[in-house]
Amino acid sequence: MQTLIFGLQVAALGIGIVFVALVFLIFVIKGMTKATELSEVKKNTDNSMIIKKEAVPQEAPLIAEDDDEIMAVIAAAVACLTQGKLRIKTIRRVKEENVPVWSAAGRQETMCLRQNR
């Protein structure tokens, strides 16, 4: 009986330590998220001041034919990679404002690597 109580005490202590460590990690991750958001806001305000000083040319709006052509290329690429096992239901544009910085950097790097081939 005494060994059972000792075993339960050790299990409770272990579970408690893991729980406290997980809560600590949650607070650390939330703190890091807040810090990166603040640094991004600061960078965005600095960049917006630079953009306002320079003349930014307006991009021409995309024509519907271009969208159809882009969708056809995307569908062909997906069909080639999946060998026809996957069906595309919808294609929607991702606004650059909502894309995380790391994702945009990865896309940019991928495009640069493909152009250098």
N, C-alpha and C. Protein backbone atom coordinates (compact mmCIF):
# COMPACT_ATOMS: atom_id res chain seq x y z
N MET A 1 0.82 -1.19 0.00
CA MET A 1 0.00 0.00 0.00
C MET A 1 0.87 1.26 0.00
N GLN A 2 1.96 1.17 0.75
CA GLN A 2 2.86 2.31 0.86
C GLN A 2 3.53 2.59 -0.50
N THR A 3 3.86 1.55 -1.25
CA THR A 3 4.48 1.76 -2.56
C THR A 3 3.49 2.35 -3.56
N LEU A 4 2.21 2.01 -3.42
CA LEU A 4 1.20 2.58 -4.30
C LEU A 4 1.07 4.08 -4.06
N ILE A 5 1.03 4.49 -2.81
CA ILE A 5 0.93 5.91 -2.47
C ILE A 5 2.18 6.65 -2.96
N PHE A 6 3.35 6.03 -2.77
CA PHE A 6 4.59 6.66 -3.25
C PHE A 6 4.58 6.80 -4.77
N GLY A 7 4.09 5.79 -5.46
CA GLY A 7 4.00 5.85 -6.92
C GLY A 7 3.05 6.93 -7.39
N LEU A 8 1.92 7.09 -6.72
CA LEU A 8 0.97 8.15 -7.07
C LEU A 8 1.55 9.53 -6.80
N GLN A 9 2.32 9.68 -5.74
CA GLN A 9 2.95 10.95 -5.42
C GLN A 9 3.98 11.31 -6.50
N VAL A 10 4.77 10.34 -6.92
CA VAL A 10 5.77 10.59 -7.97
C VAL A 10 5.07 10.94 -9.28
N ALA A 11 4.00 10.24 -9.62
CA ALA A 11 3.26 10.53 -10.85
C ALA A 11 2.66 11.94 -10.80
N ALA A 12 2.07 12.30 -9.66
CA ALA A 12 1.48 13.63 -9.52
C ALA A 12 2.56 14.71 -9.62
N LEU A 13 3.70 14.47 -9.01
CA LEU A 13 4.80 15.44 -9.09
C LEU A 13 5.28 15.58 -10.54
N GLY A 14 5.42 14.47 -11.25
CA GLY A 14 5.85 14.53 -12.64
C GLY A 14 4.86 15.26 -13.53
N ILE A 15 3.59 14.94 -13.36
CA ILE A 15 2.54 15.61 -14.15
C ILE A 15 2.50 17.10 -13.83
N GLY A 16 2.66 17.45 -12.56
CA GLY A 16 2.67 18.86 -12.16
C GLY A 16 3.83 19.62 -12.78
N ILE A 17 5.01 19.00 -12.77
CA ILE A 17 6.18 19.67 -13.37
C ILE A 17 5.98 19.87 -14.87
N VAL A 18 5.46 18.87 -15.56
CA VAL A 18 5.21 19.00 -16.99
C VAL A 18 4.18 20.09 -17.26
N PHE A 19 3.12 20.14 -16.46
CA PHE A 19 2.09 21.15 -16.64
C PHE A 19 2.67 22.56 -16.45
N VAL A 20 3.45 22.76 -15.41
CA VAL A 20 4.06 24.07 -15.16
C VAL A 20 5.01 24.44 -16.30
N ALA A 21 5.78 23.49 -16.79
CA ALA A 21 6.69 23.77 -17.90
C ALA A 21 5.92 24.15 -19.17
N LEU A 22 4.82 23.47 -19.44
CA LEU A 22 4.02 23.81 -20.62
C LEU A 22 3.39 25.19 -20.51
N VAL A 23 2.90 25.54 -19.34
CA VAL A 23 2.34 26.88 -19.14
C VAL A 23 3.43 27.93 -19.33
N PHE A 24 4.62 27.66 -18.81
CA PHE A 24 5.75 28.58 -18.99
C PHE A 24 6.07 28.75 -20.48
N LEU A 25 6.09 27.65 -21.23
CA LEU A 25 6.36 27.74 -22.67
C LEU A 25 5.28 28.53 -23.40
N ILE A 26 4.05 28.39 -22.98
CA ILE A 26 2.97 29.16 -23.61
C ILE A 26 3.21 30.65 -23.43
N PHE A 27 3.58 31.06 -22.21
CA PHE A 27 3.84 32.48 -21.97
C PHE A 27 5.06 32.97 -22.73
N VAL A 28 6.08 32.15 -22.85
CA VAL A 28 7.27 32.54 -23.62
C VAL A 28 6.91 32.73 -25.08
N ILE A 29 6.14 31.81 -25.65
CA ILE A 29 5.76 31.91 -27.06
C ILE A 29 4.88 33.13 -27.30
N LYS A 30 3.94 33.38 -26.39
CA LYS A 30 3.09 34.57 -26.54
C LYS A 30 3.92 35.84 -26.45
N GLY A 31 4.90 35.88 -25.56
CA GLY A 31 5.77 37.04 -25.45
C GLY A 31 6.59 37.25 -26.70
N MET A 32 7.10 36.17 -27.28
CA MET A 32 7.86 36.29 -28.52
C MET A 32 6.98 36.77 -29.67
N THR A 33 5.73 36.31 -29.69
CA THR A 33 4.80 36.75 -30.73
C THR A 33 4.55 38.26 -30.62
N LYS A 34 4.32 38.73 -29.41
CA LYS A 34 4.09 40.17 -29.21
C LYS A 34 5.32 40.97 -29.62
N ALA A 35 6.51 40.47 -29.28
CA ALA A 35 7.74 41.18 -29.63
C ALA A 35 7.93 41.26 -31.14
N THR A 36 7.66 40.17 -31.86
CA THR A 36 7.81 40.21 -33.31
C THR A 36 6.76 41.09 -33.96
N GLU A 37 5.54 41.10 -33.41
CA GLU A 37 4.50 41.98 -33.96
C GLU A 37 4.89 43.44 -33.78
N LEU A 38 5.46 43.78 -32.64
CA LEU A 38 5.88 45.16 -32.40
C LEU A 38 7.02 45.55 -33.35
N SER A 39 7.96 44.63 -33.58
CA SER A 39 9.06 44.96 -34.48
C SER A 39 8.57 45.07 -35.92
N GLU A 40 7.58 44.25 -36.32
CA GLU A 40 7.03 44.36 -37.67
C GLU A 40 6.27 45.66 -37.85
N VAL A 41 5.53 46.08 -36.83
CA VAL A 41 4.81 47.35 -36.92
C VAL A 41 5.81 48.50 -37.06
N LYS A 42 6.90 48.42 -36.32
CA LYS A 42 7.91 49.47 -36.39
C LYS A 42 8.55 49.49 -37.77
N LYS A 43 8.85 48.32 -38.33
CA LYS A 43 9.45 48.25 -39.66
C LYS A 43 8.47 48.76 -40.71
N ASN A 44 7.20 48.41 -40.57
CA ASN A 44 6.19 48.86 -41.54
C ASN A 44 6.04 50.36 -41.52
N THR A 45 6.11 50.99 -40.36
CA THR A 45 5.98 52.44 -40.32
C THR A 45 7.19 53.09 -40.94
N ASP A 46 8.38 52.52 -40.75
CA ASP A 46 9.58 53.06 -41.39
C ASP A 46 9.50 52.90 -42.90
N ASN A 47 9.06 51.75 -43.36
CA ASN A 47 8.95 51.50 -44.80
C ASN A 47 7.88 52.37 -45.44
N SER A 48 6.80 52.63 -44.72
CA SER A 48 5.74 53.44 -45.30
C SER A 48 6.20 54.87 -45.51
N MET A 49 7.06 55.35 -44.66
CA MET A 49 7.59 56.70 -44.83
C MET A 49 8.47 56.76 -46.08
N ILE A 50 9.24 55.72 -46.33
CA ILE A 50 10.10 55.68 -47.51
C ILE A 50 9.25 55.59 -48.77
N ILE A 51 8.22 54.79 -48.75
CA ILE A 51 7.37 54.62 -49.92
C ILE A 51 6.65 55.91 -50.25
N LYS A 52 6.24 56.66 -49.25
CA LYS A 52 5.54 57.91 -49.52
C LYS A 52 6.45 58.92 -50.20
N LYS A 53 7.74 58.89 -49.92
CA LYS A 53 8.66 59.84 -50.52
C LYS A 53 8.94 59.51 -51.98
N GLU A 54 8.96 58.22 -52.31
CA GLU A 54 9.25 57.80 -53.67
C GLU A 54 7.96 57.71 -54.49
N ALA A 55 8.12 57.88 -55.78
CA ALA A 55 6.96 57.72 -56.67
C ALA A 55 6.80 56.23 -56.97
N VAL A 56 5.65 55.69 -56.64
CA VAL A 56 5.38 54.27 -56.86
C VAL A 56 4.49 54.14 -58.08
N PRO A 57 4.96 53.46 -59.13
CA PRO A 57 4.12 53.29 -60.32
C PRO A 57 2.96 52.35 -60.01
N GLN A 58 1.82 52.67 -60.57
CA GLN A 58 0.63 51.85 -60.39
C GLN A 58 0.69 50.66 -61.33
N GLU A 59 0.36 49.48 -60.80
CA GLU A 59 0.33 48.28 -61.63
C GLU A 59 -0.97 48.24 -62.43
N ALA A 60 -0.87 47.73 -63.62
CA ALA A 60 -2.05 47.59 -64.45
C ALA A 60 -2.93 46.49 -63.88
N PRO A 61 -4.24 46.69 -63.85
CA PRO A 61 -5.11 45.62 -63.34
C PRO A 61 -5.04 44.39 -64.23
N LEU A 62 -5.15 43.23 -63.63
CA LEU A 62 -5.08 42.00 -64.39
C LEU A 62 -6.34 41.81 -65.23
N ILE A 63 -6.15 41.34 -66.41
CA ILE A 63 -7.27 41.08 -67.31
C ILE A 63 -7.82 39.69 -67.01
N ALA A 64 -9.08 39.49 -67.24
CA ALA A 64 -9.71 38.20 -66.97
C ALA A 64 -9.05 37.08 -67.76
N GLU A 65 -8.58 37.38 -68.96
CA GLU A 65 -7.92 36.36 -69.77
C GLU A 65 -6.65 35.90 -69.08
N ASP A 66 -5.91 36.83 -68.47
CA ASP A 66 -4.70 36.47 -67.76
C ASP A 66 -5.02 35.55 -66.59
N ASP A 67 -6.12 35.83 -65.90
CA ASP A 67 -6.52 34.98 -64.77
C ASP A 67 -6.84 33.57 -65.26
N ASP A 68 -7.54 33.46 -66.35
CA ASP A 68 -7.86 32.14 -66.90
C ASP A 68 -6.59 31.39 -67.29
N GLU A 69 -5.66 32.12 -67.87
CA GLU A 69 -4.41 31.51 -68.28
C GLU A 69 -3.61 31.05 -67.05
N ILE A 70 -3.59 31.88 -66.02
CA ILE A 70 -2.88 31.51 -64.79
C ILE A 70 -3.52 30.29 -64.15
N MET A 71 -4.83 30.25 -64.12
CA MET A 71 -5.52 29.09 -63.55
C MET A 71 -5.22 27.82 -64.34
N ALA A 72 -5.14 27.94 -65.65
CA ALA A 72 -4.84 26.78 -66.48
C ALA A 72 -3.43 26.27 -66.19
N VAL A 73 -2.50 27.19 -66.03
CA VAL A 73 -1.12 26.79 -65.73
C VAL A 73 -1.03 26.13 -64.36
N ILE A 74 -1.72 26.70 -63.38
CA ILE A 74 -1.71 26.10 -62.03
C ILE A 74 -2.34 24.71 -62.07
N ALA A 75 -3.45 24.58 -62.77
CA ALA A 75 -4.12 23.28 -62.86
C ALA A 75 -3.22 22.25 -63.56
N ALA A 76 -2.51 22.67 -64.60
CA ALA A 76 -1.62 21.76 -65.31
C ALA A 76 -0.45 21.33 -64.42
N ALA A 77 0.08 22.27 -63.64
CA ALA A 77 1.20 21.95 -62.75
C ALA A 77 0.76 20.97 -61.66
N VAL A 78 -0.42 21.22 -61.08
CA VAL A 78 -0.92 20.32 -60.04
C VAL A 78 -1.21 18.94 -60.62
N ALA A 79 -1.80 18.89 -61.80
CA ALA A 79 -2.09 17.61 -62.44
C ALA A 79 -0.81 16.85 -62.75
N CYS A 80 0.23 17.57 -63.15
CA CYS A 80 1.51 16.93 -63.45
C CYS A 80 2.14 16.37 -62.18
N LEU A 81 2.09 17.14 -61.10
CA LEU A 81 2.73 16.70 -59.86
C LEU A 81 1.96 15.57 -59.18
N THR A 82 0.64 15.62 -59.26
CA THR A 82 -0.16 14.60 -58.57
C THR A 82 -0.59 13.48 -59.50
N GLN A 83 -0.21 13.55 -60.75
CA GLN A 83 -0.54 12.55 -61.76
C GLN A 83 -2.05 12.34 -61.88
N GLY A 84 -2.81 13.43 -61.78
CA GLY A 84 -4.25 13.40 -61.97
C GLY A 84 -5.03 12.89 -60.77
N LYS A 85 -4.40 12.68 -59.62
CA LYS A 85 -5.10 12.15 -58.45
C LYS A 85 -5.78 13.25 -57.64
N LEU A 86 -5.51 14.51 -57.95
CA LEU A 86 -6.05 15.63 -57.19
C LEU A 86 -6.85 16.52 -58.12
N ARG A 87 -7.98 17.01 -57.63
CA ARG A 87 -8.84 17.88 -58.42
C ARG A 87 -8.90 19.25 -57.77
N ILE A 88 -8.69 20.32 -58.53
CA ILE A 88 -8.72 21.68 -58.02
C ILE A 88 -10.16 22.16 -58.00
N LYS A 89 -10.61 22.64 -56.83
CA LYS A 89 -11.97 23.15 -56.72
C LYS A 89 -12.00 24.66 -56.93
N THR A 90 -11.12 25.38 -56.25
CA THR A 90 -11.07 26.83 -56.40
C THR A 90 -9.64 27.32 -56.34
N ILE A 91 -9.42 28.45 -56.96
CA ILE A 91 -8.12 29.14 -56.88
C ILE A 91 -8.43 30.57 -56.47
N ARG A 92 -7.79 31.03 -55.41
CA ARG A 92 -8.00 32.41 -55.00
C ARG A 92 -6.65 33.05 -54.73
N ARG A 93 -6.58 34.34 -54.99
CA ARG A 93 -5.35 35.08 -54.78
C ARG A 93 -5.12 35.31 -53.30
N VAL A 94 -3.86 35.31 -52.90
CA VAL A 94 -3.49 35.62 -51.53
C VAL A 94 -3.02 37.06 -51.51
N LYS A 95 -3.66 37.87 -50.70
CA LYS A 95 -3.26 39.26 -50.61
C LYS A 95 -1.93 39.35 -49.89
N GLU A 96 -1.05 40.18 -50.38
CA GLU A 96 0.29 40.30 -49.81
C GLU A 96 0.24 40.82 -48.38
N GLU A 97 -0.78 41.58 -48.02
CA GLU A 97 -0.86 42.15 -46.67
C GLU A 97 -1.06 41.06 -45.62
N ASN A 98 -1.77 39.99 -45.98
CA ASN A 98 -2.12 38.96 -45.02
C ASN A 98 -1.10 37.83 -44.96
N VAL A 99 -0.08 37.87 -45.80
CA VAL A 99 0.91 36.81 -45.84
C VAL A 99 1.98 37.07 -44.79
N PRO A 100 2.33 36.07 -43.99
CA PRO A 100 3.42 36.26 -43.03
C PRO A 100 4.73 36.57 -43.75
N VAL A 101 5.59 37.29 -43.07
CA VAL A 101 6.85 37.72 -43.67
C VAL A 101 7.70 36.53 -44.10
N TRP A 102 7.76 35.49 -43.27
CA TRP A 102 8.58 34.33 -43.60
C TRP A 102 8.06 33.63 -44.85
N SER A 103 6.73 33.63 -45.03
CA SER A 103 6.15 32.99 -46.20
C SER A 103 6.48 33.77 -47.48
N ALA A 104 6.35 35.09 -47.41
CA ALA A 104 6.67 35.92 -48.57
C ALA A 104 8.15 35.81 -48.92
N ALA A 105 9.02 35.75 -47.91
CA ALA A 105 10.45 35.61 -48.16
C ALA A 105 10.76 34.26 -48.81
N GLY A 106 10.09 33.22 -48.37
CA GLY A 106 10.29 31.90 -48.98
C GLY A 106 9.85 31.86 -50.42
N ARG A 107 8.72 32.49 -50.72
CA ARG A 107 8.25 32.53 -52.11
C ARG A 107 9.23 33.30 -52.98
N GLN A 108 9.69 34.44 -52.45
CA GLN A 108 10.62 35.27 -53.21
C GLN A 108 11.90 34.50 -53.50
N GLU A 109 12.40 33.78 -52.50
CA GLU A 109 13.62 33.00 -52.68
C GLU A 109 13.41 31.89 -53.71
N THR A 110 12.26 31.23 -53.66
CA THR A 110 11.96 30.17 -54.62
C THR A 110 11.91 30.72 -56.04
N MET A 111 11.28 31.89 -56.21
CA MET A 111 11.20 32.48 -57.55
C MET A 111 12.58 32.86 -58.06
N CYS A 112 13.41 33.41 -57.18
CA CYS A 112 14.78 33.79 -57.61
C CYS A 112 15.59 32.57 -57.99
N LEU A 113 15.47 31.49 -57.24
CA LEU A 113 16.22 30.27 -57.56
C LEU A 113 15.78 29.69 -58.89
N ARG A 114 14.49 29.76 -59.18
CA ARG A 114 14.00 29.20 -60.45
C ARG A 114 14.40 30.05 -61.64
N GLN A 115 14.56 31.35 -61.44
CA GLN A 115 14.97 32.23 -62.54
C GLN A 115 16.44 32.05 -62.87
N ASN A 116 17.24 31.64 -61.90
CA ASN A 116 18.67 31.50 -62.11
C ASN A 116 19.06 30.19 -62.78
N ARG A 117 18.12 29.31 -63.03
CA ARG A 117 18.43 28.02 -63.66
C ARG A 117 18.81 28.19 -65.10
